C-alpha atoms as a PDB file:
ATOM      1  CA  MET A   1      18.949   2.806   6.510  1.00  0.00           C
ATOM      2  CA  ASN A   2      16.994  -0.293   6.425  1.00  0.00           C
ATOM      3  CA  ARG A   3      14.879  -1.518   3.741  1.00  0.00           C
ATOM      4  CA  ILE A   4      11.709  -3.747   3.558  1.00  0.00           C
ATOM      5  CA  PHE A   5      10.055  -5.154   0.541  1.00  0.00           C
ATOM      6  CA  LEU A   6       6.299  -6.084   0.946  1.00  0.00           C
ATOM      7  CA  ILE A   7       4.527  -7.969  -1.629  1.00  0.00           C
ATOM      8  CA  GLY A   8       0.818  -7.744  -1.750  1.00  0.00           C
ATOM      9  CA  ARG A   9      -2.465  -6.159  -2.778  1.00  0.00           C
ATOM     10  CA  LEU A  10      -3.838  -2.633  -2.387  1.00  0.00           C
ATOM     11  CA  THR A  11      -7.188  -2.668  -0.617  1.00  0.00           C
ATOM     12  CA  GLY A  12      -8.482   0.500  -2.412  1.00  0.00           C
ATOM     13  CA  THR A  13      -7.725   2.847  -5.194  1.00  0.00           C
ATOM     14  CA  PRO A  14      -5.094   5.564  -3.901  1.00  0.00           C
ATOM     15  CA  GLU A  15      -6.193   9.083  -4.223  1.00  0.00           C
ATOM     16  CA  LEU A  16      -3.648  12.083  -4.592  1.00  0.00           C
ATOM     17  CA  GLN A  17      -4.022  14.780  -2.224  1.00  0.00           C
ATOM     18  CA  LYS A  18      -2.172  17.896  -1.776  1.00  0.00           C
ATOM     19  CA  THR A  19      -0.942  19.652   1.613  1.00  0.00           C
ATOM     20  CA  PRO A  20      -1.178  23.078   2.169  1.00  0.00           C
ATOM     21  CA  SER A  21       2.345  23.658   1.046  1.00  0.00           C
ATOM     22  CA  ASN A  22       1.480  21.898  -2.256  1.00  0.00           C
ATOM     23  CA  ARG A  23       3.165  18.633  -1.533  1.00  0.00           C
ATOM     24  CA  SER A  24       1.653  15.274  -3.042  1.00  0.00           C
ATOM     25  CA  VAL A  25       0.551  12.698  -0.554  1.00  0.00           C
ATOM     26  CA  THR A  26      -1.271   9.299  -1.022  1.00  0.00           C
ATOM     27  CA  ARG A  27      -2.399   6.829   1.411  1.00  0.00           C
ATOM     28  CA  SER A  28      -3.405   3.183   1.233  1.00  0.00           C
ATOM     29  CA  LYS A  29      -3.488  -0.255   2.728  1.00  0.00           C
ATOM     30  CA  LEU A  30      -1.587  -3.259   1.547  1.00  0.00           C
ATOM     31  CA  ALA A  31      -2.948  -6.672   2.184  1.00  0.00           C
ATOM     32  CA  VAL A  32      -0.053  -9.000   2.664  1.00  0.00           C
ATOM     33  CA  LYS A  33      -0.646 -12.606   2.960  1.00  0.00           C
ATOM     34  CA  ARG A  34       1.484 -14.543   5.630  1.00  0.00           C
ATOM     35  CA  ARG A  35       3.801 -17.345   4.547  1.00  0.00           C
ATOM     36  CA  TYR A  36       2.246 -19.928   6.885  1.00  0.00           C
ATOM     37  CA  ARG A  37      -1.076 -21.467   7.171  1.00  0.00           C
ATOM     38  CA  ASP A  38      -3.306 -21.640  10.244  1.00  0.00           C
ATOM     39  CA  GLN A  39      -4.875 -24.419  12.010  1.00  0.00           C
ATOM     40  CA  SER A  40      -7.702 -24.548   9.307  1.00  0.00           C
ATOM     41  CA  GLY A  41      -5.181 -24.594   6.504  1.00  0.00           C
ATOM     42  CA  GLU A  42      -5.976 -21.224   5.404  1.00  0.00           C
ATOM     43  CA  ARG A  43      -3.416 -18.346   4.871  1.00  0.00           C
ATOM     44  CA  GLU A  44      -4.115 -14.941   7.014  1.00  0.00           C
ATOM     45  CA  SER A  45      -3.247 -11.539   5.699  1.00  0.00           C
ATOM     46  CA  ASP A  46      -1.803  -8.441   7.490  1.00  0.00           C
ATOM     47  CA  PHE A  47      -3.131  -5.152   6.461  1.00  0.00           C
ATOM     48  CA  ILE A  48      -0.139  -2.612   6.361  1.00  0.00           C
ATOM     49  CA  SER A  49      -0.780   1.226   6.150  1.00  0.00           C
ATOM     50  CA  ILE A  50       1.497   2.954   3.681  1.00  0.00           C
ATOM     51  CA  VAL A  51       2.139   6.603   3.146  1.00  0.00           C
ATOM     52  CA  ALA A  52       3.877   8.037  -0.266  1.00  0.00           C
ATOM     53  CA  TRP A  53       5.228  11.558  -0.809  1.00  0.00           C
ATOM     54  CA  GLY A  54       6.025  13.659  -3.603  1.00  0.00           C
ATOM     55  CA  ARG A  55       6.943  12.083  -7.135  1.00  0.00           C
ATOM     56  CA  LEU A  56       6.159   8.588  -5.678  1.00  0.00           C
ATOM     57  CA  ALA A  57       2.797   9.503  -4.656  1.00  0.00           C
ATOM     58  CA  GLU A  58       2.061  10.827  -8.120  1.00  0.00           C
ATOM     59  CA  TYR A  59       3.272   7.475  -9.707  1.00  0.00           C
ATOM     60  CA  ILE A  60       1.322   5.426  -7.572  1.00  0.00           C
ATOM     61  CA  THR A  61      -2.117   7.231  -8.242  1.00  0.00           C
ATOM     62  CA  SER A  62      -1.461   7.128 -11.943  1.00  0.00           C
ATOM     63  CA  TYR A  63      -0.551   3.481 -12.209  1.00  0.00           C
ATOM     64  CA  ALA A  64      -1.905   1.527  -9.165  1.00  0.00           C
ATOM     65  CA  CYS A  65      -5.581   0.555  -8.529  1.00  0.00           C
ATOM     66  CA  LYS A  66      -7.602  -1.453  -6.184  1.00  0.00           C
ATOM     67  CA  GLY A  67      -6.477  -5.159  -6.224  1.00  0.00           C
ATOM     68  CA  SER A  68      -3.091  -4.509  -7.918  1.00  0.00           C
END
């Protein structure tokens, strides 16, 4: 199993949703700044879509907010 660690900021406050089978799910986007600068000297960001299920989704919606 591969692992990846992304460090960035949430672009919006995650909202908890329930599936028809009563599983918790949340979706959000994570803004991750690139390590290098472009020609104008500014860092660009990549926006990564994330989906969390179950207890992790409940934990994220309880403690995370926009910008964290």
